[in-house]
Amino acid sequence: MARVRLSVAERREELLRAAIEQIEARGVAAVRIADVASALGVSNALVLYHFSTKERLVADAFAYAAEGDLAHLRKLLGRRTTALRRLRSAVRWYAPTGPAKGWRLWIEGWAVSLREPALREVARDLDRRWKAALAEVIAEGVAAGEFRCPDPAGTALRLTALLDGLAVQLTSYDGAVSRSRAQEWVEEALTRELGPAGPSDARGR
């Protein structure tokens, strides 16, 4: 059966999705242009037409994954409910204890970004935008009187640092910490950062 002719944008998105799948299966170091091409039944030349090098393909694939994560984050934080409920939803989704991001993909990306400037910029931008989004909803909760937090940006940094570290432990070191214990630590961190729940906060749990 002949392949459906795709627009440039559609073809590019198809290649990016295939690249992410191949990176998750093989790792960044092992994945090849040929693997992505073979997965879709296209030529290496077609992949290289859209992405001039493997490094460019990998960086753009991570950027594509990052935008998907950020779109979901915006959806969670844009709900019409309390800031505390929105923050908890975002943290629980982000945390490695729930239906989170593809942590194996991102741990792989962090490692490779130490040597690849283009990928490092993608990872840095994703990190900055996550922290900014969490800090914004924390500030909204403070303004609404839901909780107290003198430094929303600092709280966002500490929360994401904890979540990233737990993701490494849970993903890379089997048995290092249980998911239930990790979830307890995340909940304790939220309480410590935002203070004990008051009457208005309880509705956001």
N, C-alpha and C. Protein backbone atom coordinates (compact mmCIF):
# COMPACT_ATOMS: atom_id res chain seq x y z
N MET A 1 0.85 -1.19 0.00
CA MET A 1 0.00 0.00 0.00
C MET A 1 0.89 1.25 0.00
N ALA A 2 0.59 2.20 -0.87
CA ALA A 2 1.38 3.42 -0.96
C ALA A 2 1.22 4.25 0.31
N ARG A 3 2.32 4.88 0.70
CA ARG A 3 2.27 5.74 1.88
C ARG A 3 1.49 7.01 1.58
N VAL A 4 0.75 7.49 2.57
CA VAL A 4 0.02 8.73 2.40
C VAL A 4 1.03 9.87 2.32
N ARG A 5 0.82 10.77 1.40
CA ARG A 5 1.73 11.91 1.25
C ARG A 5 1.44 12.92 2.36
N LEU A 6 2.46 13.22 3.13
CA LEU A 6 2.31 14.13 4.26
C LEU A 6 2.87 15.50 3.92
N SER A 7 2.34 16.51 4.59
CA SER A 7 2.93 17.84 4.45
C SER A 7 4.29 17.85 5.15
N VAL A 8 5.06 18.88 4.90
CA VAL A 8 6.38 18.99 5.54
C VAL A 8 6.24 18.97 7.06
N ALA A 9 5.28 19.72 7.57
CA ALA A 9 5.08 19.78 9.03
C ALA A 9 4.66 18.42 9.57
N GLU A 10 3.76 17.73 8.87
CA GLU A 10 3.30 16.42 9.32
C GLU A 10 4.43 15.39 9.29
N ARG A 11 5.23 15.43 8.22
CA ARG A 11 6.35 14.50 8.12
C ARG A 11 7.36 14.74 9.22
N ARG A 12 7.64 16.01 9.47
CA ARG A 12 8.59 16.36 10.52
C ARG A 12 8.10 15.84 11.88
N GLU A 13 6.84 16.04 12.17
CA GLU A 13 6.29 15.57 13.44
C GLU A 13 6.35 14.05 13.54
N GLU A 14 6.06 13.36 12.46
CA GLU A 14 6.14 11.90 12.43
C GLU A 14 7.57 11.44 12.74
N LEU A 15 8.55 12.11 12.14
CA LEU A 15 9.95 11.75 12.38
C LEU A 15 10.36 12.03 13.82
N LEU A 16 9.87 13.11 14.39
CA LEU A 16 10.20 13.44 15.77
C LEU A 16 9.62 12.40 16.73
N ARG A 17 8.38 12.00 16.49
CA ARG A 17 7.77 10.98 17.35
C ARG A 17 8.55 9.66 17.25
N ALA A 18 8.94 9.31 16.04
CA ALA A 18 9.71 8.07 15.86
C ALA A 18 11.07 8.18 16.54
N ALA A 19 11.68 9.34 16.47
CA ALA A 19 12.99 9.54 17.10
C ALA A 19 12.88 9.37 18.62
N ILE A 20 11.82 9.93 19.21
CA ILE A 20 11.62 9.78 20.65
C ILE A 20 11.47 8.31 21.02
N GLU A 21 10.69 7.57 20.25
CA GLU A 21 10.50 6.15 20.53
C GLU A 21 11.82 5.39 20.44
N GLN A 22 12.63 5.73 19.44
CA GLN A 22 13.91 5.04 19.27
C GLN A 22 14.91 5.42 20.37
N ILE A 23 14.88 6.67 20.80
CA ILE A 23 15.76 7.09 21.89
C ILE A 23 15.38 6.37 23.18
N GLU A 24 14.07 6.27 23.45
CA GLU A 24 13.61 5.57 24.65
C GLU A 24 14.00 4.10 24.61
N ALA A 25 13.99 3.51 23.42
CA ALA A 25 14.29 2.08 23.29
C ALA A 25 15.79 1.80 23.29
N ARG A 26 16.59 2.68 22.67
CA ARG A 26 18.00 2.39 22.44
C ARG A 26 18.96 3.29 23.22
N GLY A 27 18.47 4.46 23.64
CA GLY A 27 19.37 5.43 24.24
C GLY A 27 19.93 6.37 23.19
N VAL A 28 20.30 7.57 23.59
CA VAL A 28 20.78 8.56 22.64
C VAL A 28 22.06 8.11 21.95
N ALA A 29 22.99 7.54 22.71
CA ALA A 29 24.28 7.17 22.14
C ALA A 29 24.14 6.10 21.05
N ALA A 30 23.21 5.17 21.24
CA ALA A 30 23.10 4.04 20.32
C ALA A 30 22.18 4.31 19.13
N VAL A 31 21.25 5.23 19.28
CA VAL A 31 20.27 5.43 18.21
C VAL A 31 20.95 6.01 16.97
N ARG A 32 20.48 5.57 15.80
CA ARG A 32 21.04 6.02 14.53
C ARG A 32 19.93 6.59 13.65
N ILE A 33 20.35 7.40 12.70
CA ILE A 33 19.40 7.90 11.70
C ILE A 33 18.69 6.73 11.05
N ALA A 34 19.43 5.65 10.78
CA ALA A 34 18.86 4.48 10.12
C ALA A 34 17.76 3.84 10.95
N ASP A 35 17.88 3.91 12.28
CA ASP A 35 16.85 3.33 13.14
C ASP A 35 15.53 4.08 13.00
N VAL A 36 15.61 5.39 12.96
CA VAL A 36 14.42 6.22 12.81
C VAL A 36 13.80 5.99 11.43
N ALA A 37 14.64 5.97 10.41
CA ALA A 37 14.15 5.74 9.05
C ALA A 37 13.48 4.38 8.93
N SER A 38 14.12 3.34 9.48
CA SER A 38 13.59 1.99 9.39
C SER A 38 12.24 1.86 10.11
N ALA A 39 12.10 2.54 11.24
CA ALA A 39 10.86 2.46 12.02
C ALA A 39 9.67 2.97 11.22
N LEU A 40 9.93 3.90 10.30
CA LEU A 40 8.85 4.49 9.50
C LEU A 40 8.81 3.97 8.07
N GLY A 41 9.81 3.17 7.71
CA GLY A 41 9.85 2.66 6.35
C GLY A 41 10.21 3.73 5.33
N VAL A 42 11.08 4.65 5.73
CA VAL A 42 11.52 5.71 4.81
C VAL A 42 13.04 5.63 4.67
N SER A 43 13.59 6.46 3.81
CA SER A 43 15.03 6.43 3.58
C SER A 43 15.78 7.30 4.58
N ASN A 44 17.06 7.00 4.78
CA ASN A 44 17.92 7.84 5.60
C ASN A 44 17.95 9.26 5.05
N ALA A 45 17.94 9.35 3.72
CA ALA A 45 18.03 10.67 3.07
C ALA A 45 16.85 11.54 3.45
N LEU A 46 15.66 10.94 3.60
CA LEU A 46 14.49 11.73 3.97
C LEU A 46 14.65 12.29 5.38
N VAL A 47 15.17 11.48 6.28
CA VAL A 47 15.39 11.97 7.65
C VAL A 47 16.40 13.12 7.63
N LEU A 48 17.47 12.94 6.89
CA LEU A 48 18.51 13.97 6.82
C LEU A 48 18.05 15.22 6.08
N TYR A 49 17.05 15.08 5.22
CA TYR A 49 16.49 16.26 4.56
C TYR A 49 15.84 17.19 5.58
N HIS A 50 15.15 16.60 6.56
CA HIS A 50 14.47 17.39 7.58
C HIS A 50 15.38 17.76 8.74
N PHE A 51 16.37 16.91 9.02
CA PHE A 51 17.28 17.14 10.14
C PHE A 51 18.69 16.83 9.63
N SER A 52 19.50 17.82 9.49
CA SER A 52 20.77 17.66 8.79
C SER A 52 21.75 16.71 9.45
N THR A 53 21.63 16.52 10.76
CA THR A 53 22.53 15.63 11.49
C THR A 53 21.75 14.87 12.56
N LYS A 54 22.36 13.82 13.07
CA LYS A 54 21.74 13.09 14.17
C LYS A 54 21.58 14.01 15.38
N GLU A 55 22.59 14.84 15.64
CA GLU A 55 22.54 15.75 16.79
C GLU A 55 21.36 16.70 16.70
N ARG A 56 21.08 17.20 15.48
CA ARG A 56 19.95 18.09 15.29
C ARG A 56 18.63 17.35 15.50
N LEU A 57 18.56 16.13 14.98
CA LEU A 57 17.36 15.31 15.16
C LEU A 57 17.09 15.06 16.64
N VAL A 58 18.13 14.70 17.38
CA VAL A 58 17.97 14.40 18.81
C VAL A 58 17.53 15.65 19.57
N ALA A 59 18.18 16.77 19.30
CA ALA A 59 17.82 18.01 20.00
C ALA A 59 16.38 18.40 19.71
N ASP A 60 15.98 18.30 18.44
CA ASP A 60 14.61 18.67 18.08
C ASP A 60 13.59 17.68 18.64
N ALA A 61 13.98 16.41 18.75
CA ALA A 61 13.07 15.42 19.34
C ALA A 61 12.83 15.73 20.82
N PHE A 62 13.87 16.09 21.53
CA PHE A 62 13.71 16.46 22.94
C PHE A 62 12.89 17.75 23.07
N ALA A 63 13.11 18.69 22.17
CA ALA A 63 12.32 19.92 22.20
C ALA A 63 10.84 19.62 21.96
N TYR A 64 10.57 18.69 21.06
CA TYR A 64 9.19 18.28 20.78
C TYR A 64 8.56 17.64 22.02
N ALA A 65 9.31 16.77 22.68
CA ALA A 65 8.82 16.13 23.90
C ALA A 65 8.59 17.17 24.99
N ALA A 66 9.49 18.14 25.08
CA ALA A 66 9.37 19.19 26.10
C ALA A 66 8.11 20.01 25.89
N GLU A 67 7.81 20.35 24.65
CA GLU A 67 6.61 21.14 24.38
C GLU A 67 5.35 20.36 24.74
N GLY A 68 5.38 19.04 24.53
CA GLY A 68 4.24 18.23 24.94
C GLY A 68 4.05 18.24 26.44
N ASP A 69 5.15 18.14 27.18
CA ASP A 69 5.08 18.19 28.64
C ASP A 69 4.56 19.54 29.11
N LEU A 70 5.06 20.59 28.51
CA LEU A 70 4.66 21.94 28.92
C LEU A 70 3.20 22.21 28.58
N ALA A 71 2.73 21.67 27.48
CA ALA A 71 1.31 21.84 27.13
C ALA A 71 0.43 21.18 28.18
N HIS A 72 0.83 20.00 28.65
CA HIS A 72 0.05 19.33 29.68
C HIS A 72 0.12 20.11 31.00
N LEU A 73 1.30 20.64 31.30
CA LEU A 73 1.44 21.46 32.52
C LEU A 73 0.51 22.66 32.46
N ARG A 74 0.48 23.35 31.32
CA ARG A 74 -0.40 24.52 31.18
C ARG A 74 -1.86 24.13 31.36
N LYS A 75 -2.23 22.95 30.87
CA LYS A 75 -3.60 22.47 31.03
C LYS A 75 -3.93 22.27 32.50
N LEU A 76 -3.01 21.66 33.26
CA LEU A 76 -3.23 21.42 34.68
C LEU A 76 -3.32 22.73 35.45
N LEU A 77 -2.42 23.65 35.13
CA LEU A 77 -2.37 24.91 35.88
C LEU A 77 -3.45 25.90 35.43
N GLY A 78 -4.08 25.63 34.30
CA GLY A 78 -5.12 26.52 33.80
C GLY A 78 -6.52 26.15 34.25
N ARG A 79 -6.65 25.09 35.04
CA ARG A 79 -7.97 24.68 35.50
C ARG A 79 -8.58 25.75 36.41
N ARG A 80 -9.89 25.81 36.44
CA ARG A 80 -10.59 26.81 37.26
C ARG A 80 -10.86 26.23 38.64
N THR A 81 -9.82 26.24 39.46
CA THR A 81 -9.91 25.75 40.83
C THR A 81 -8.85 26.48 41.64
N THR A 82 -8.66 26.09 42.90
CA THR A 82 -7.71 26.80 43.76
C THR A 82 -6.29 26.62 43.27
N ALA A 83 -5.44 27.55 43.65
CA ALA A 83 -4.02 27.45 43.30
C ALA A 83 -3.41 26.20 43.92
N LEU A 84 -3.80 25.87 45.14
CA LEU A 84 -3.25 24.70 45.81
C LEU A 84 -3.60 23.43 45.07
N ARG A 85 -4.84 23.32 44.62
CA ARG A 85 -5.25 22.12 43.88
C ARG A 85 -4.50 22.04 42.55
N ARG A 86 -4.35 23.16 41.87
CA ARG A 86 -3.60 23.16 40.60
C ARG A 86 -2.14 22.78 40.82
N LEU A 87 -1.56 23.33 41.90
CA LEU A 87 -0.16 23.03 42.19
C LEU A 87 0.02 21.55 42.52
N ARG A 88 -0.86 21.00 43.33
CA ARG A 88 -0.76 19.58 43.68
C ARG A 88 -0.94 18.70 42.44
N SER A 89 -1.85 19.06 41.57
CA SER A 89 -2.04 18.28 40.34
C SER A 89 -0.78 18.27 39.50
N ALA A 90 -0.15 19.43 39.38
CA ALA A 90 1.06 19.54 38.58
C ALA A 90 2.20 18.74 39.19
N VAL A 91 2.37 18.87 40.51
CA VAL A 91 3.46 18.17 41.18
C VAL A 91 3.25 16.66 41.13
N ARG A 92 2.02 16.22 41.32
CA ARG A 92 1.75 14.77 41.28
C ARG A 92 1.97 14.21 39.89
N TRP A 93 1.65 14.99 38.86
CA TRP A 93 1.90 14.51 37.49
C TRP A 93 3.40 14.49 37.19
N TYR A 94 4.09 15.52 37.62
CA TYR A 94 5.53 15.64 37.37
C TYR A 94 6.32 14.59 38.14
N ALA A 95 5.85 14.26 39.35
CA ALA A 95 6.59 13.36 40.21
C ALA A 95 6.77 11.99 39.58
N PRO A 96 7.89 11.32 39.86
CA PRO A 96 8.13 9.98 39.30
C PRO A 96 7.30 8.90 39.95
N THR A 97 6.37 9.29 40.83
CA THR A 97 5.54 8.31 41.53
C THR A 97 4.18 8.12 40.88
N GLY A 98 3.90 8.87 39.83
CA GLY A 98 2.60 8.78 39.18
C GLY A 98 2.76 8.60 37.68
N PRO A 99 1.69 8.89 36.90
CA PRO A 99 1.76 8.77 35.44
C PRO A 99 2.54 9.94 34.86
N ALA A 100 3.82 9.98 35.17
CA ALA A 100 4.63 11.17 34.93
C ALA A 100 5.17 11.22 33.52
N LYS A 101 6.00 12.22 33.30
CA LYS A 101 6.76 12.37 32.08
C LYS A 101 7.58 11.10 31.83
N GLY A 102 8.12 10.95 30.62
CA GLY A 102 9.00 9.83 30.34
C GLY A 102 10.34 10.06 31.00
N TRP A 103 10.47 9.67 32.26
CA TRP A 103 11.68 10.00 33.01
C TRP A 103 12.93 9.37 32.42
N ARG A 104 12.82 8.18 31.89
CA ARG A 104 14.00 7.55 31.30
C ARG A 104 14.52 8.40 30.13
N LEU A 105 13.61 8.94 29.35
CA LEU A 105 13.99 9.80 28.24
C LEU A 105 14.74 11.03 28.74
N TRP A 106 14.22 11.67 29.80
CA TRP A 106 14.84 12.91 30.26
C TRP A 106 16.14 12.68 31.00
N ILE A 107 16.27 11.59 31.72
CA ILE A 107 17.55 11.29 32.37
C ILE A 107 18.62 11.06 31.31
N GLU A 108 18.24 10.37 30.25
CA GLU A 108 19.13 10.18 29.12
C GLU A 108 19.52 11.53 28.52
N GLY A 109 18.54 12.40 28.37
CA GLY A 109 18.80 13.71 27.80
C GLY A 109 19.71 14.56 28.65
N TRP A 110 19.51 14.53 29.98
CA TRP A 110 20.38 15.30 30.87
C TRP A 110 21.84 14.86 30.72
N ALA A 111 22.05 13.56 30.64
CA ALA A 111 23.42 13.05 30.54
C ALA A 111 24.09 13.51 29.24
N VAL A 112 23.36 13.38 28.14
CA VAL A 112 23.93 13.74 26.84
C VAL A 112 24.11 15.25 26.71
N SER A 113 23.25 16.03 27.37
CA SER A 113 23.32 17.49 27.24
C SER A 113 24.62 18.06 27.81
N LEU A 114 25.31 17.29 28.63
CA LEU A 114 26.61 17.75 29.15
C LEU A 114 27.61 17.93 28.02
N ARG A 115 27.40 17.20 26.93
CA ARG A 115 28.34 17.25 25.80
C ARG A 115 27.74 17.88 24.54
N GLU A 116 26.42 18.05 24.51
CA GLU A 116 25.75 18.56 23.31
C GLU A 116 25.09 19.91 23.60
N PRO A 117 25.67 21.01 23.12
CA PRO A 117 25.13 22.35 23.42
C PRO A 117 23.67 22.53 23.02
N ALA A 118 23.26 22.00 21.87
CA ALA A 118 21.88 22.20 21.41
C ALA A 118 20.90 21.51 22.35
N LEU A 119 21.23 20.31 22.79
CA LEU A 119 20.36 19.59 23.71
C LEU A 119 20.40 20.23 25.09
N ARG A 120 21.55 20.75 25.48
CA ARG A 120 21.66 21.43 26.77
C ARG A 120 20.74 22.64 26.82
N GLU A 121 20.62 23.34 25.72
CA GLU A 121 19.75 24.52 25.67
C GLU A 121 18.28 24.11 25.79
N VAL A 122 17.92 23.00 25.15
CA VAL A 122 16.55 22.49 25.26
C VAL A 122 16.24 22.14 26.71
N ALA A 123 17.14 21.41 27.37
CA ALA A 123 16.92 21.00 28.76
C ALA A 123 16.85 22.20 29.68
N ARG A 124 17.72 23.18 29.45
CA ARG A 124 17.73 24.39 30.29
C ARG A 124 16.43 25.18 30.13
N ASP A 125 15.95 25.27 28.89
CA ASP A 125 14.72 26.02 28.64
C ASP A 125 13.52 25.33 29.29
N LEU A 126 13.46 23.99 29.17
CA LEU A 126 12.37 23.25 29.81
C LEU A 126 12.40 23.46 31.31
N ASP A 127 13.57 23.37 31.91
CA ASP A 127 13.71 23.55 33.35
C ASP A 127 13.26 24.94 33.78
N ARG A 128 13.67 25.94 33.04
CA ARG A 128 13.32 27.33 33.37
C ARG A 128 11.81 27.54 33.29
N ARG A 129 11.18 27.01 32.25
CA ARG A 129 9.75 27.22 32.07
C ARG A 129 8.92 26.45 33.10
N TRP A 130 9.36 25.25 33.49
CA TRP A 130 8.68 24.52 34.55
C TRP A 130 8.72 25.30 35.85
N LYS A 131 9.90 25.77 36.22
CA LYS A 131 10.04 26.51 37.48
C LYS A 131 9.21 27.78 37.46
N ALA A 132 9.21 28.48 36.33
CA ALA A 132 8.45 29.73 36.22
C ALA A 132 6.95 29.46 36.36
N ALA A 133 6.47 28.38 35.75
CA ALA A 133 5.04 28.05 35.83
C ALA A 133 4.63 27.70 37.25
N LEU A 134 5.45 26.92 37.94
CA LEU A 134 5.14 26.56 39.33
C LEU A 134 5.22 27.79 40.23
N ALA A 135 6.24 28.63 40.02
CA ALA A 135 6.36 29.84 40.84
C ALA A 135 5.16 30.75 40.64
N GLU A 136 4.65 30.82 39.44
CA GLU A 136 3.49 31.68 39.16
C GLU A 136 2.25 31.22 39.91
N VAL A 137 1.98 29.91 39.90
CA VAL A 137 0.78 29.44 40.59
C VAL A 137 0.96 29.52 42.11
N ILE A 138 2.19 29.37 42.59
CA ILE A 138 2.44 29.55 44.03
C ILE A 138 2.17 31.00 44.41
N ALA A 139 2.64 31.94 43.59
CA ALA A 139 2.39 33.35 43.86
C ALA A 139 0.90 33.66 43.85
N GLU A 140 0.15 33.03 42.95
CA GLU A 140 -1.29 33.23 42.91
C GLU A 140 -1.94 32.73 44.21
N GLY A 141 -1.45 31.60 44.72
CA GLY A 141 -1.99 31.08 45.97
C GLY A 141 -1.70 31.99 47.14
N VAL A 142 -0.51 32.58 47.15
CA VAL A 142 -0.16 33.53 48.21
C VAL A 142 -1.07 34.75 48.14
N ALA A 143 -1.26 35.28 46.93
CA ALA A 143 -2.10 36.47 46.75
C ALA A 143 -3.55 36.19 47.15
N ALA A 144 -4.01 34.95 46.95
CA ALA A 144 -5.38 34.60 47.30
C ALA A 144 -5.53 34.23 48.78
N GLY A 145 -4.41 34.20 49.50
CA GLY A 145 -4.46 33.86 50.91
C GLY A 145 -4.61 32.38 51.19
N GLU A 146 -4.30 31.54 50.20
CA GLU A 146 -4.44 30.09 50.40
C GLU A 146 -3.33 29.52 51.27
N PHE A 147 -2.14 30.09 51.14
CA PHE A 147 -1.01 29.62 51.92
C PHE A 147 0.03 30.73 51.98
N ARG A 148 1.07 30.51 52.77
CA ARG A 148 2.14 31.49 52.91
C ARG A 148 3.41 30.95 52.26
N CYS A 149 4.06 31.81 51.48
CA CYS A 149 5.32 31.42 50.85
C CYS A 149 6.07 32.70 50.50
N PRO A 150 7.12 33.03 51.23
CA PRO A 150 7.83 34.28 50.99
C PRO A 150 8.68 34.28 49.71
N ASP A 151 8.94 33.11 49.16
CA ASP A 151 9.84 33.02 48.00
C ASP A 151 9.32 31.97 47.02
N PRO A 152 8.30 32.31 46.19
CA PRO A 152 7.75 31.33 45.25
C PRO A 152 8.79 30.74 44.30
N ALA A 153 9.72 31.57 43.81
CA ALA A 153 10.74 31.05 42.88
C ALA A 153 11.65 30.05 43.57
N GLY A 154 12.03 30.35 44.82
CA GLY A 154 12.87 29.42 45.56
C GLY A 154 12.15 28.11 45.85
N THR A 155 10.88 28.21 46.19
CA THR A 155 10.08 27.01 46.44
C THR A 155 9.97 26.16 45.18
N ALA A 156 9.72 26.79 44.04
CA ALA A 156 9.63 26.05 42.78
C ALA A 156 10.94 25.34 42.48
N LEU A 157 12.06 26.00 42.74
CA LEU A 157 13.37 25.39 42.49
C LEU A 157 13.58 24.18 43.41
N ARG A 158 13.26 24.33 44.69
CA ARG A 158 13.47 23.21 45.62
C ARG A 158 12.56 22.03 45.31
N LEU A 159 11.31 22.31 44.95
CA LEU A 159 10.39 21.23 44.62
C LEU A 159 10.84 20.46 43.38
N THR A 160 11.22 21.17 42.33
CA THR A 160 11.64 20.49 41.11
C THR A 160 12.96 19.75 41.32
N ALA A 161 13.85 20.31 42.14
CA ALA A 161 15.10 19.62 42.43
C ALA A 161 14.83 18.29 43.15
N LEU A 162 13.89 18.31 44.10
CA LEU A 162 13.52 17.08 44.81
C LEU A 162 12.92 16.07 43.84
N LEU A 163 12.01 16.52 42.99
CA LEU A 163 11.34 15.61 42.06
C LEU A 163 12.33 15.03 41.05
N ASP A 164 13.23 15.86 40.54
CA ASP A 164 14.23 15.37 39.60
C ASP A 164 15.14 14.33 40.26
N GLY A 165 15.55 14.62 41.49
CA GLY A 165 16.43 13.68 42.20
C GLY A 165 15.73 12.36 42.48
N LEU A 166 14.47 12.41 42.89
CA LEU A 166 13.73 11.18 43.12
C LEU A 166 13.54 10.39 41.83
N ALA A 167 13.37 11.11 40.72
CA ALA A 167 13.22 10.44 39.43
C ALA A 167 14.46 9.63 39.09
N VAL A 168 15.63 10.19 39.36
CA VAL A 168 16.88 9.46 39.11
C VAL A 168 16.95 8.22 39.99
N GLN A 169 16.63 8.36 41.28
CA GLN A 169 16.68 7.23 42.20
C GLN A 169 15.72 6.11 41.77
N LEU A 170 14.49 6.48 41.44
CA LEU A 170 13.47 5.49 41.10
C LEU A 170 13.71 4.84 39.74
N THR A 171 14.24 5.64 38.81
CA THR A 171 14.42 5.13 37.44
C THR A 171 15.73 4.38 37.27
N SER A 172 16.79 4.87 37.92
CA SER A 172 18.12 4.31 37.68
C SER A 172 18.56 3.26 38.68
N TYR A 173 18.02 3.33 39.90
CA TYR A 173 18.49 2.44 40.97
C TYR A 173 17.31 1.67 41.56
N ASP A 174 17.06 0.52 41.01
CA ASP A 174 15.92 -0.29 41.44
C ASP A 174 16.03 -0.62 42.93
N GLY A 175 14.96 -0.30 43.66
CA GLY A 175 14.92 -0.61 45.08
C GLY A 175 15.54 0.43 45.98
N ALA A 176 16.09 1.51 45.41
CA ALA A 176 16.73 2.54 46.24
C ALA A 176 15.72 3.22 47.15
N VAL A 177 14.53 3.46 46.64
CA VAL A 177 13.46 4.07 47.43
C VAL A 177 12.13 3.61 46.84
N SER A 178 11.16 3.36 47.69
CA SER A 178 9.86 2.92 47.20
C SER A 178 9.06 4.11 46.68
N ARG A 179 8.13 3.84 45.80
CA ARG A 179 7.29 4.91 45.27
C ARG A 179 6.43 5.53 46.37
N SER A 180 5.96 4.70 47.29
CA SER A 180 5.14 5.25 48.37
C SER A 180 5.96 6.17 49.27
N ARG A 181 7.22 5.80 49.56
CA ARG A 181 8.06 6.67 50.37
C ARG A 181 8.38 7.97 49.62
N ALA A 182 8.65 7.86 48.34
CA ALA A 182 8.92 9.06 47.54
C ALA A 182 7.72 10.00 47.56
N GLN A 183 6.51 9.43 47.45
CA GLN A 183 5.31 10.26 47.48
C GLN A 183 5.16 10.94 48.84
N GLU A 184 5.48 10.24 49.91
CA GLU A 184 5.44 10.85 51.24
C GLU A 184 6.38 12.04 51.32
N TRP A 185 7.57 11.90 50.78
CA TRP A 185 8.55 12.99 50.82
C TRP A 185 8.07 14.20 50.01
N VAL A 186 7.42 13.92 48.88
CA VAL A 186 6.89 15.02 48.07
C VAL A 186 5.81 15.77 48.85
N GLU A 187 4.91 15.02 49.48
CA GLU A 187 3.84 15.65 50.27
C GLU A 187 4.42 16.45 51.44
N GLU A 188 5.43 15.88 52.11
CA GLU A 188 6.08 16.59 53.21
C GLU A 188 6.73 17.88 52.73
N ALA A 189 7.34 17.83 51.55
CA ALA A 189 7.99 19.02 51.00
C ALA A 189 6.97 20.11 50.70
N LEU A 190 5.83 19.73 50.15
CA LEU A 190 4.78 20.71 49.88
C LEU A 190 4.29 21.36 51.16
N THR A 191 4.07 20.55 52.20
CA THR A 191 3.61 21.09 53.47
C THR A 191 4.66 22.01 54.09
N ARG A 192 5.91 21.60 54.02
CA ARG A 192 7.00 22.39 54.58
C ARG A 192 7.14 23.73 53.86
N GLU A 193 7.01 23.70 52.55
CA GLU A 193 7.21 24.92 51.76
C GLU A 193 6.03 25.88 51.88
N LEU A 194 4.81 25.33 51.98
CA LEU A 194 3.62 26.18 51.94
C LEU A 194 2.97 26.35 53.30
N GLY A 195 3.46 25.65 54.30
CA GLY A 195 2.88 25.75 55.62
C GLY A 195 1.72 24.81 55.78
N PRO A 196 1.28 24.57 57.02
CA PRO A 196 0.14 23.68 57.25
C PRO A 196 -1.13 24.23 56.61
N ALA A 197 -1.97 23.33 56.16
CA ALA A 197 -3.20 23.74 55.47
C ALA A 197 -4.14 24.45 56.42
N GLY A 198 -4.69 25.56 55.97
CA GLY A 198 -5.71 26.25 56.73
C GLY A 198 -7.08 25.85 56.23
N PRO A 199 -8.16 26.48 56.74
CA PRO A 199 -9.51 26.10 56.31
C PRO A 199 -9.72 26.19 54.82
N SER A 200 -9.17 27.23 54.18
CA SER A 200 -9.38 27.37 52.74
C SER A 200 -8.52 26.39 51.96
N ASP A 201 -7.33 26.00 52.53
CA ASP A 201 -6.45 25.08 51.84
C ASP A 201 -7.02 23.67 51.79
N ALA A 202 -7.74 23.29 52.84
CA ALA A 202 -8.24 21.91 52.91
C ALA A 202 -9.11 21.58 51.71
N ARG A 203 -9.82 22.57 51.17
CA ARG A 203 -10.67 22.31 50.02
C ARG A 203 -9.87 22.01 48.78
N GLY A 204 -8.57 22.42 48.78
CA GLY A 204 -7.75 22.19 47.59
C GLY A 204 -7.05 20.85 47.60
N ARG A 205 -7.20 20.06 48.64
CA ARG A 205 -6.50 18.79 48.70
C ARG A 205 -7.20 17.74 47.84
